[in-house]
C-alpha atoms as a PDB file:
ATOM      1  CA  UNK A   1       0.257  19.598  25.438  1.00  0.00           C
ATOM      2  CA  UNK A   2       2.328  18.740  22.371  1.00  0.00           C
ATOM      3  CA  UNK A   3       0.531  18.124  19.076  1.00  0.00           C
ATOM      4  CA  UNK A   4       2.177  16.475  16.093  1.00  0.00           C
ATOM      5  CA  UNK A   5       0.191  16.494  12.869  1.00  0.00           C
ATOM      6  CA  UNK A   6       0.383  13.424  10.621  1.00  0.00           C
ATOM      7  CA  UNK A   7      -0.381  13.282   6.906  1.00  0.00           C
ATOM      8  CA  UNK A   8      -1.151   9.606   6.300  1.00  0.00           C
ATOM      9  CA  UNK A   9      -1.957   7.943   2.958  1.00  0.00           C
ATOM     10  CA  UNK A  10      -4.908   5.575   3.093  1.00  0.00           C
ATOM     11  CA  UNK A  11      -6.106   3.650   6.145  1.00  0.00           C
ATOM     12  CA  UNK A  12      -4.018   0.465   6.372  1.00  0.00           C
ATOM     13  CA  UNK A  13      -2.474   0.972   9.828  1.00  0.00           C
ATOM     14  CA  UNK A  14      -3.966   4.245  11.027  1.00  0.00           C
ATOM     15  CA  UNK A  15      -4.950   2.624  14.338  1.00  0.00           C
ATOM     16  CA  UNK A  16      -1.262   2.379  15.284  1.00  0.00           C
ATOM     17  CA  UNK A  17      -1.282   6.079  16.144  1.00  0.00           C
ATOM     18  CA  UNK A  18      -4.052   6.112  18.778  1.00  0.00           C
ATOM     19  CA  UNK A  19      -2.265   3.080  20.233  1.00  0.00           C
ATOM     20  CA  UNK A  20       0.998   5.057  20.368  1.00  0.00           C
ATOM     21  CA  UNK A  21      -0.792   7.934  22.093  1.00  0.00           C
ATOM     22  CA  UNK A  22      -1.908   5.522  24.804  1.00  0.00           C
ATOM     23  CA  UNK A  23       1.589   4.040  25.117  1.00  0.00           C
ATOM     24  CA  UNK A  24       3.095   7.481  25.580  1.00  0.00           C
ATOM     25  CA  UNK A  25       0.578   8.100  28.389  1.00  0.00           C
ATOM     26  CA  UNK A  26       1.068  11.848  28.379  1.00  0.00           C
ATOM     27  CA  UNK A  27      -0.266  15.075  26.908  1.00  0.00           C
ATOM     28  CA  UNK A  28       0.962  14.213  23.414  1.00  0.00           C
ATOM     29  CA  UNK A  29      -1.635  14.254  20.631  1.00  0.00           C
ATOM     30  CA  UNK A  30      -1.307  12.842  17.117  1.00  0.00           C
ATOM     31  CA  UNK A  31      -4.124  14.170  14.902  1.00  0.00           C
ATOM     32  CA  UNK A  32      -4.143  12.494  11.514  1.00  0.00           C
ATOM     33  CA  UNK A  33      -5.317  13.616   8.082  1.00  0.00           C
ATOM     34  CA  UNK A  34      -5.719  11.018   5.316  1.00  0.00           C
ATOM     35  CA  UNK A  35      -4.185  11.952   1.978  1.00  0.00           C
ATOM     36  CA  UNK A  36      -5.305  10.528  -1.350  1.00  0.00           C
ATOM     37  CA  UNK A  37      -3.431   7.461  -2.520  1.00  0.00           C
ATOM     38  CA  UNK A  38      -4.470   6.900  -6.121  1.00  0.00           C
ATOM     39  CA  UNK A  39      -3.725   3.322  -7.149  1.00  0.00           C
ATOM     40  CA  UNK A  40      -2.548   1.231  -4.204  1.00  0.00           C
ATOM     41  CA  UNK A  41       0.669  -0.068  -5.747  1.00  0.00           C
ATOM     42  CA  UNK A  42       4.286   0.016  -4.632  1.00  0.00           C
ATOM     43  CA  UNK A  43       5.654   1.247  -7.944  1.00  0.00           C
ATOM     44  CA  UNK A  44       7.886   4.259  -8.387  1.00  0.00           C
ATOM     45  CA  UNK A  45       5.357   6.208 -10.458  1.00  0.00           C
ATOM     46  CA  UNK A  46       2.503   5.571  -8.040  1.00  0.00           C
ATOM     47  CA  UNK A  47       4.623   6.371  -4.989  1.00  0.00           C
ATOM     48  CA  UNK A  48       5.803   9.631  -6.542  1.00  0.00           C
ATOM     49  CA  UNK A  49       2.207  10.570  -7.380  1.00  0.00           C
ATOM     50  CA  UNK A  50       1.207   9.839  -3.769  1.00  0.00           C
ATOM     51  CA  UNK A  51       3.758  12.384  -2.545  1.00  0.00           C
ATOM     52  CA  UNK A  52       2.755  15.170  -4.924  1.00  0.00           C
ATOM     53  CA  UNK A  53       2.756  18.653  -3.304  1.00  0.00           C
ATOM     54  CA  UNK A  54      -0.932  19.371  -3.955  1.00  0.00           C
ATOM     55  CA  UNK A  55      -2.023  16.137  -2.256  1.00  0.00           C
ATOM     56  CA  UNK A  56       0.122  16.829   0.796  1.00  0.00           C
ATOM     57  CA  UNK A  57      -0.991  20.448   1.045  1.00  0.00           C
ATOM     58  CA  UNK A  58      -4.651  19.399   1.156  1.00  0.00           C
ATOM     59  CA  UNK A  59      -4.456  18.375   4.808  1.00  0.00           C
ATOM     60  CA  UNK A  60      -2.312  21.210   6.098  1.00  0.00           C
ATOM     61  CA  UNK A  61      -5.094  23.583   7.131  1.00  0.00           C
ATOM     62  CA  UNK A  62      -7.002  20.910   9.049  1.00  0.00           C
ATOM     63  CA  UNK A  63      -3.891  19.941  11.004  1.00  0.00           C
ATOM     64  CA  UNK A  64      -3.031  23.579  11.652  1.00  0.00           C
ATOM     65  CA  UNK A  65      -6.515  24.074  13.126  1.00  0.00           C
ATOM     66  CA  UNK A  66      -5.905  20.988  15.272  1.00  0.00           C
ATOM     67  CA  UNK A  67      -3.027  22.870  16.879  1.00  0.00           C
ATOM     68  CA  UNK A  68      -0.160  20.970  15.274  1.00  0.00           C
ATOM     69  CA  UNK A  69       3.282  22.282  16.228  1.00  0.00           C
ATOM     70  CA  UNK A  70       5.112  20.049  13.761  1.00  0.00           C
ATOM     71  CA  UNK A  71       4.067  18.023  10.745  1.00  0.00           C
ATOM     72  CA  UNK A  72       5.247  14.654   9.404  1.00  0.00           C
ATOM     73  CA  UNK A  73       4.456  13.157   6.007  1.00  0.00           C
ATOM     74  CA  UNK A  74       3.717   9.697   7.349  1.00  0.00           C
ATOM     75  CA  UNK A  75       4.860   7.741   4.345  1.00  0.00           C
ATOM     76  CA  UNK A  76       8.221   6.178   3.608  1.00  0.00           C
ATOM     77  CA  UNK A  77       7.874   5.165  -0.033  1.00  0.00           C
ATOM     78  CA  UNK A  78       6.193   8.431  -1.009  1.00  0.00           C
ATOM     79  CA  UNK A  79       9.312  10.239   0.157  1.00  0.00           C
ATOM     80  CA  UNK A  80      12.454   8.211  -0.600  1.00  0.00           C
ATOM     81  CA  UNK A  81      11.415   7.535  -4.218  1.00  0.00           C
ATOM     82  CA  UNK A  82      12.209  11.204  -4.842  1.00  0.00           C
ATOM     83  CA  UNK A  83      15.843  10.630  -3.875  1.00  0.00           C
ATOM     84  CA  UNK A  84      17.719  12.477  -1.144  1.00  0.00           C
ATOM     85  CA  UNK A  85      17.548  15.942  -2.704  1.00  0.00           C
ATOM     86  CA  UNK A  86      14.036  15.525  -4.061  1.00  0.00           C
ATOM     87  CA  UNK A  87      12.753  14.358  -0.667  1.00  0.00           C
ATOM     88  CA  UNK A  88      14.281  17.439   0.959  1.00  0.00           C
ATOM     89  CA  UNK A  89      12.516  19.668  -1.558  1.00  0.00           C
ATOM     90  CA  UNK A  90       9.229  17.807  -0.977  1.00  0.00           C
ATOM     91  CA  UNK A  91       9.388  18.490   2.753  1.00  0.00           C
ATOM     92  CA  UNK A  92      10.578  22.068   2.352  1.00  0.00           C
ATOM     93  CA  UNK A  93       7.528  22.718   0.162  1.00  0.00           C
ATOM     94  CA  UNK A  94       5.293  21.133   2.798  1.00  0.00           C
ATOM     95  CA  UNK A  95       6.882  23.198   5.567  1.00  0.00           C
ATOM     96  CA  UNK A  96       6.298  26.401   3.602  1.00  0.00           C
ATOM     97  CA  UNK A  97       2.652  25.483   3.029  1.00  0.00           C
ATOM     98  CA  UNK A  98       2.152  24.601   6.698  1.00  0.00           C
ATOM     99  CA  UNK A  99       4.221  27.368   8.258  1.00  0.00           C
ATOM    100  CA  UNK A 100       5.712  24.893  10.734  1.00  0.00           C
ATOM    101  CA  UNK A 101       8.593  22.404  10.971  1.00  0.00           C
ATOM    102  CA  UNK A 102       8.032  19.386   8.737  1.00  0.00           C
ATOM    103  CA  UNK A 103       9.650  16.067   7.940  1.00  0.00           C
ATOM    104  CA  UNK A 104       8.799  12.626   6.557  1.00  0.00           C
ATOM    105  CA  UNK A 105       9.079   9.026   7.669  1.00  0.00           C
ATOM    106  CA  UNK A 106      12.086   8.522   5.392  1.00  0.00           C
ATOM    107  CA  UNK A 107      14.062  11.249   7.138  1.00  0.00           C
ATOM    108  CA  UNK A 108      12.741   9.985  10.470  1.00  0.00           C
ATOM    109  CA  UNK A 109      14.577   6.717   9.887  1.00  0.00           C
ATOM    110  CA  UNK A 110      17.846   8.516   9.176  1.00  0.00           C
ATOM    111  CA  UNK A 111      17.549  10.677  12.286  1.00  0.00           C
ATOM    112  CA  UNK A 112      16.475   7.737  14.480  1.00  0.00           C
ATOM    113  CA  UNK A 113      19.456   5.626  13.381  1.00  0.00           C
ATOM    114  CA  UNK A 114      21.735   8.515  14.287  1.00  0.00           C
ATOM    115  CA  UNK A 115      19.952   8.874  17.625  1.00  0.00           C
ATOM    116  CA  UNK A 116      20.783   5.264  18.442  1.00  0.00           C
ATOM    117  CA  UNK A 117      24.404   5.786  17.447  1.00  0.00           C
ATOM    118  CA  UNK A 118      24.137   2.904  14.946  1.00  0.00           C
ATOM    119  CA  UNK A 119      26.458   2.755  11.959  1.00  0.00           C
ATOM    120  CA  UNK A 120      25.270  -0.377  10.152  1.00  0.00           C
ATOM    121  CA  UNK A 121      21.653  -1.406   9.597  1.00  0.00           C
ATOM    122  CA  UNK A 122      19.596  -4.089   7.883  1.00  0.00           C
ATOM    123  CA  UNK A 123      16.410  -3.282   5.955  1.00  0.00           C
ATOM    124  CA  UNK A 124      13.506  -5.720   6.298  1.00  0.00           C
ATOM    125  CA  UNK A 125      10.857  -4.398   3.932  1.00  0.00           C
ATOM    126  CA  UNK A 126       7.469  -5.568   2.750  1.00  0.00           C
ATOM    127  CA  UNK A 127       8.132  -3.828  -0.567  1.00  0.00           C
ATOM    128  CA  UNK A 128       9.181  -5.383  -3.860  1.00  0.00           C
ATOM    129  CA  UNK A 129      12.977  -5.735  -4.111  1.00  0.00           C
ATOM    130  CA  UNK A 130      13.345  -2.707  -6.392  1.00  0.00           C
ATOM    131  CA  UNK A 131      11.552  -0.402  -3.965  1.00  0.00           C
ATOM    132  CA  UNK A 132      13.417  -1.824  -0.962  1.00  0.00           C
ATOM    133  CA  UNK A 133      16.642  -1.091  -2.821  1.00  0.00           C
ATOM    134  CA  UNK A 134      15.634   2.534  -3.311  1.00  0.00           C
ATOM    135  CA  UNK A 135      15.109   2.872   0.434  1.00  0.00           C
ATOM    136  CA  UNK A 136      18.551   1.373   1.067  1.00  0.00           C
ATOM    137  CA  UNK A 137      19.987   3.915  -1.358  1.00  0.00           C
ATOM    138  CA  UNK A 138      18.266   6.738   0.500  1.00  0.00           C
ATOM    139  CA  UNK A 139      19.811   5.583   3.774  1.00  0.00           C
ATOM    140  CA  UNK A 140      23.236   5.404   2.157  1.00  0.00           C
ATOM    141  CA  UNK A 141      22.795   8.998   0.986  1.00  0.00           C
ATOM    142  CA  UNK A 142      22.265   9.801   4.675  1.00  0.00           C
ATOM    143  CA  UNK A 143      25.660   8.220   5.523  1.00  0.00           C
ATOM    144  CA  UNK A 144      24.166   5.013   6.923  1.00  0.00           C
ATOM    145  CA  UNK A 145      25.744   1.703   5.934  1.00  0.00           C
ATOM    146  CA  UNK A 146      23.163  -0.867   4.828  1.00  0.00           C
ATOM    147  CA  UNK A 147      24.564  -4.374   5.283  1.00  0.00           C
ATOM    148  CA  UNK A 148      21.485  -6.268   4.086  1.00  0.00           C
ATOM    149  CA  UNK A 149      18.250  -5.455   2.257  1.00  0.00           C
ATOM    150  CA  UNK A 150      15.255  -7.752   2.047  1.00  0.00           C
ATOM    151  CA  UNK A 151      12.157  -7.113  -0.029  1.00  0.00           C
ATOM    152  CA  UNK A 152       9.028  -9.231   0.397  1.00  0.00           C
ATOM    153  CA  UNK A 153       7.249  -8.493  -2.865  1.00  0.00           C
ATOM    154  CA  UNK A 154       4.107  -6.988  -1.311  1.00  0.00           C
ATOM    155  CA  UNK A 155       2.544  -4.707  -3.895  1.00  0.00           C
ATOM    156  CA  UNK A 156      -0.259  -3.028  -1.921  1.00  0.00           C
ATOM    157  CA  UNK A 157      -0.483  -1.218   1.384  1.00  0.00           C
ATOM    158  CA  UNK A 158      -3.806  -2.950   1.943  1.00  0.00           C
ATOM    159  CA  UNK A 159      -2.110  -6.356   2.001  1.00  0.00           C
ATOM    160  CA  UNK A 160       0.677  -5.109   4.284  1.00  0.00           C
ATOM    161  CA  UNK A 161      -1.989  -3.828   6.673  1.00  0.00           C
ATOM    162  CA  UNK A 162      -3.309  -7.373   7.139  1.00  0.00           C
ATOM    163  CA  UNK A 163      -0.006  -8.809   8.363  1.00  0.00           C
ATOM    164  CA  UNK A 164      -0.155 -10.307  11.831  1.00  0.00           C
ATOM    165  CA  UNK A 165       2.484 -10.702  14.539  1.00  0.00           C
ATOM    166  CA  UNK A 166       3.808 -13.968  13.111  1.00  0.00           C
ATOM    167  CA  UNK A 167       4.441 -12.485   9.667  1.00  0.00           C
ATOM    168  CA  UNK A 168       6.049  -9.481  11.302  1.00  0.00           C
ATOM    169  CA  UNK A 169       8.420 -11.729  13.237  1.00  0.00           C
ATOM    170  CA  UNK A 170       9.299 -13.640  10.083  1.00  0.00           C
ATOM    171  CA  UNK A 171      10.010 -10.376   8.282  1.00  0.00           C
ATOM    172  CA  UNK A 172      12.294  -9.061  11.021  1.00  0.00           C
ATOM    173  CA  UNK A 173      14.211 -12.314  11.467  1.00  0.00           C
ATOM    174  CA  UNK A 174      14.562 -12.853   7.732  1.00  0.00           C
ATOM    175  CA  UNK A 175      15.810  -9.329   7.167  1.00  0.00           C
ATOM    176  CA  UNK A 176      18.327  -9.277  10.021  1.00  0.00           C
ATOM    177  CA  UNK A 177      22.084  -9.588   9.493  1.00  0.00           C
ATOM    178  CA  UNK A 178      24.835 -10.404  12.014  1.00  0.00           C
ATOM    179  CA  UNK A 179      26.642  -7.140  11.226  1.00  0.00           C
ATOM    180  CA  UNK A 180      23.550  -4.952  11.595  1.00  0.00           C
ATOM    181  CA  UNK A 181      23.321  -2.843  14.733  1.00  0.00           C
ATOM    182  CA  UNK A 182      19.626  -2.152  14.103  1.00  0.00           C
ATOM    183  CA  UNK A 183      16.876  -3.540  11.880  1.00  0.00           C
ATOM    184  CA  UNK A 184      14.552  -1.195   9.990  1.00  0.00           C
ATOM    185  CA  UNK A 185      10.982  -2.026   8.932  1.00  0.00           C
ATOM    186  CA  UNK A 186      10.050   0.812   6.546  1.00  0.00           C
ATOM    187  CA  UNK A 187       6.302   0.545   5.943  1.00  0.00           C
ATOM    188  CA  UNK A 188       3.668   2.785   7.539  1.00  0.00           C
ATOM    189  CA  UNK A 189       1.021   0.275   6.392  1.00  0.00           C
ATOM    190  CA  UNK A 190       2.351  -2.320   8.860  1.00  0.00           C
ATOM    191  CA  UNK A 191       0.876  -2.624  12.336  1.00  0.00           C
ATOM    192  CA  UNK A 192       4.031  -2.569  14.468  1.00  0.00           C
ATOM    193  CA  UNK A 193       3.403  -0.386  17.527  1.00  0.00           C
ATOM    194  CA  UNK A 194       2.337  -3.281  19.759  1.00  0.00           C
ATOM    195  CA  UNK A 195       5.242  -5.564  18.868  1.00  0.00           C
ATOM    196  CA  UNK A 196       8.491  -3.573  18.983  1.00  0.00           C
ATOM    197  CA  UNK A 197       9.867  -4.796  22.363  1.00  0.00           C
ATOM    198  CA  UNK A 198       9.067  -8.384  21.339  1.00  0.00           C
ATOM    199  CA  UNK A 199      10.947  -7.941  18.057  1.00  0.00           C
ATOM    200  CA  UNK A 200      13.913  -6.367  19.835  1.00  0.00           C
ATOM    201  CA  UNK A 201      14.080  -9.244  22.298  1.00  0.00           C
ATOM    202  CA  UNK A 202      13.865 -11.725  19.437  1.00  0.00           C
ATOM    203  CA  UNK A 203      16.697 -10.104  17.477  1.00  0.00           C
ATOM    204  CA  UNK A 204      18.770  -8.858  20.391  1.00  0.00           C
ATOM    205  CA  UNK A 205      19.106  -5.372  18.897  1.00  0.00           C
ATOM    206  CA  UNK A 206      17.070  -2.191  18.320  1.00  0.00           C
ATOM    207  CA  UNK A 207      14.212  -2.353  15.841  1.00  0.00           C
ATOM    208  CA  UNK A 208      12.960   0.780  14.119  1.00  0.00           C
ATOM    209  CA  UNK A 209       9.528   0.724  12.504  1.00  0.00           C
ATOM    210  CA  UNK A 210       7.898   3.303  10.284  1.00  0.00           C
ATOM    211  CA  UNK A 211       5.069   4.434  12.565  1.00  0.00           C
ATOM    212  CA  UNK A 212       7.323   4.450  15.634  1.00  0.00           C
ATOM    213  CA  UNK A 213       9.996   6.665  14.036  1.00  0.00           C
ATOM    214  CA  UNK A 214       7.355   8.933  12.513  1.00  0.00           C
ATOM    215  CA  UNK A 215       6.018   9.879  15.946  1.00  0.00           C
ATOM    216  CA  UNK A 216       9.527  10.210  17.348  1.00  0.00           C
ATOM    217  CA  UNK A 217      10.484  12.539  14.471  1.00  0.00           C
ATOM    218  CA  UNK A 218       7.470  14.766  15.018  1.00  0.00           C
ATOM    219  CA  UNK A 219       8.298  15.064  18.708  1.00  0.00           C
ATOM    220  CA  UNK A 220      11.922  15.811  17.796  1.00  0.00           C
ATOM    221  CA  UNK A 221      10.792  18.698  15.609  1.00  0.00           C
ATOM    222  CA  UNK A 222       8.533  19.956  18.404  1.00  0.00           C
ATOM    223  CA  UNK A 223      11.495  19.757  20.827  1.00  0.00           C
ATOM    224  CA  UNK A 224       9.623  17.289  23.012  1.00  0.00           C
ATOM    225  CA  UNK A 225      11.280  14.157  24.398  1.00  0.00           C
ATOM    226  CA  UNK A 226       8.967  11.318  25.365  1.00  0.00           C
ATOM    227  CA  UNK A 227       9.828   8.148  27.266  1.00  0.00           C
ATOM    228  CA  UNK A 228       8.033   4.835  26.711  1.00  0.00           C
ATOM    229  CA  UNK A 229       9.901   1.494  26.755  1.00  0.00           C
ATOM    230  CA  UNK A 230       6.774  -0.082  25.248  1.00  0.00           C
ATOM    231  CA  UNK A 231       7.856   1.603  22.005  1.00  0.00           C
ATOM    232  CA  UNK A 232      11.328   0.103  22.006  1.00  0.00           C
ATOM    233  CA  UNK A 233      14.891   1.303  22.459  1.00  0.00           C
ATOM    234  CA  UNK A 234      14.269   4.537  20.565  1.00  0.00           C
ATOM    235  CA  UNK A 235      11.840   5.668  23.281  1.00  0.00           C
ATOM    236  CA  UNK A 236      13.575   3.967  26.209  1.00  0.00           C
ATOM    237  CA  UNK A 237      16.412   6.434  26.817  1.00  0.00           C
ATOM    238  CA  UNK A 238      15.573   9.397  28.997  1.00  0.00           C
ATOM    239  CA  UNK A 239      18.749  11.335  28.179  1.00  0.00           C
ATOM    240  CA  UNK A 240      20.168  11.136  24.629  1.00  0.00           C
ATOM    241  CA  UNK A 241      23.845  10.464  23.972  1.00  0.00           C
ATOM    242  CA  UNK A 242      25.917  13.707  23.711  1.00  0.00           C
ATOM    243  CA  UNK A 243      25.474  15.430  20.395  1.00  0.00           C
ATOM    244  CA  UNK A 244      22.668  13.212  19.078  1.00  0.00           C
ATOM    245  CA  UNK A 245      19.515  15.086  20.113  1.00  0.00           C
ATOM    246  CA  UNK A 246      19.314  17.700  17.400  1.00  0.00           C
ATOM    247  CA  UNK A 247      16.132  19.773  17.208  1.00  0.00           C
ATOM    248  CA  UNK A 248      17.050  21.118  13.791  1.00  0.00           C
ATOM    249  CA  UNK A 249      14.701  20.059  11.049  1.00  0.00           C
ATOM    250  CA  UNK A 250      13.245  21.626   7.967  1.00  0.00           C
ATOM    251  CA  UNK A 251      11.737  24.739   9.453  1.00  0.00           C
ATOM    252  CA  UNK A 252      10.429  27.062   6.768  1.00  0.00           C
ATOM    253  CA  UNK A 253       8.118  29.753   8.060  1.00  0.00           C
ATOM    254  CA  UNK A 254       6.345  32.411   6.001  1.00  0.00           C
END
């Protein structure tokens, strides 16, 4: 059995993770601990407060007792708003507290894009434009070319959690770009697990969503490869391209 612990802010799309467990149809487990969110607002100050070390550390012991082998801060905005270096320090602090490999959804996107061998991506975000731009900047710091960035002006995770399949399709299509080799939907409050193959067929290219890449990242840190075409191109390749499957993560043990 492989167990990946998830630190998840709020409750907007928590049911994506039991759904992903079923899709993986294996001995993979994804125990989840809810972190405090404060005010539900996609503003830089609120997102930084959401990712504060003391809030993240609160769930570490519970996930350790659940047998977690790796830990992922299941939040995109609460990571990339710290910038590339600050997000690394955030996760290094979490890894030290947990005594296990750790990462975040923001870094999961960077690693997943590299896994696909993509060079140019489009960002289709629910966030306000300013926050979507910060995510694009984070990707650029990870040597990923962002050819288009779309923000949708959604202020709260609660609202994003109510989006249905039609709104999700509109988001993906509206955020796509002819030069993009993959489209990224960076919001863990969106329900996306059930729709990824449909979105990929619609766009004709890989689609990476926040909850999908979060699980993939945790499995990467645990050195466990899972195969499930129901979760899109990222999970549809049994053998990774040479040099792309890198088990190195932030592994701080004390």
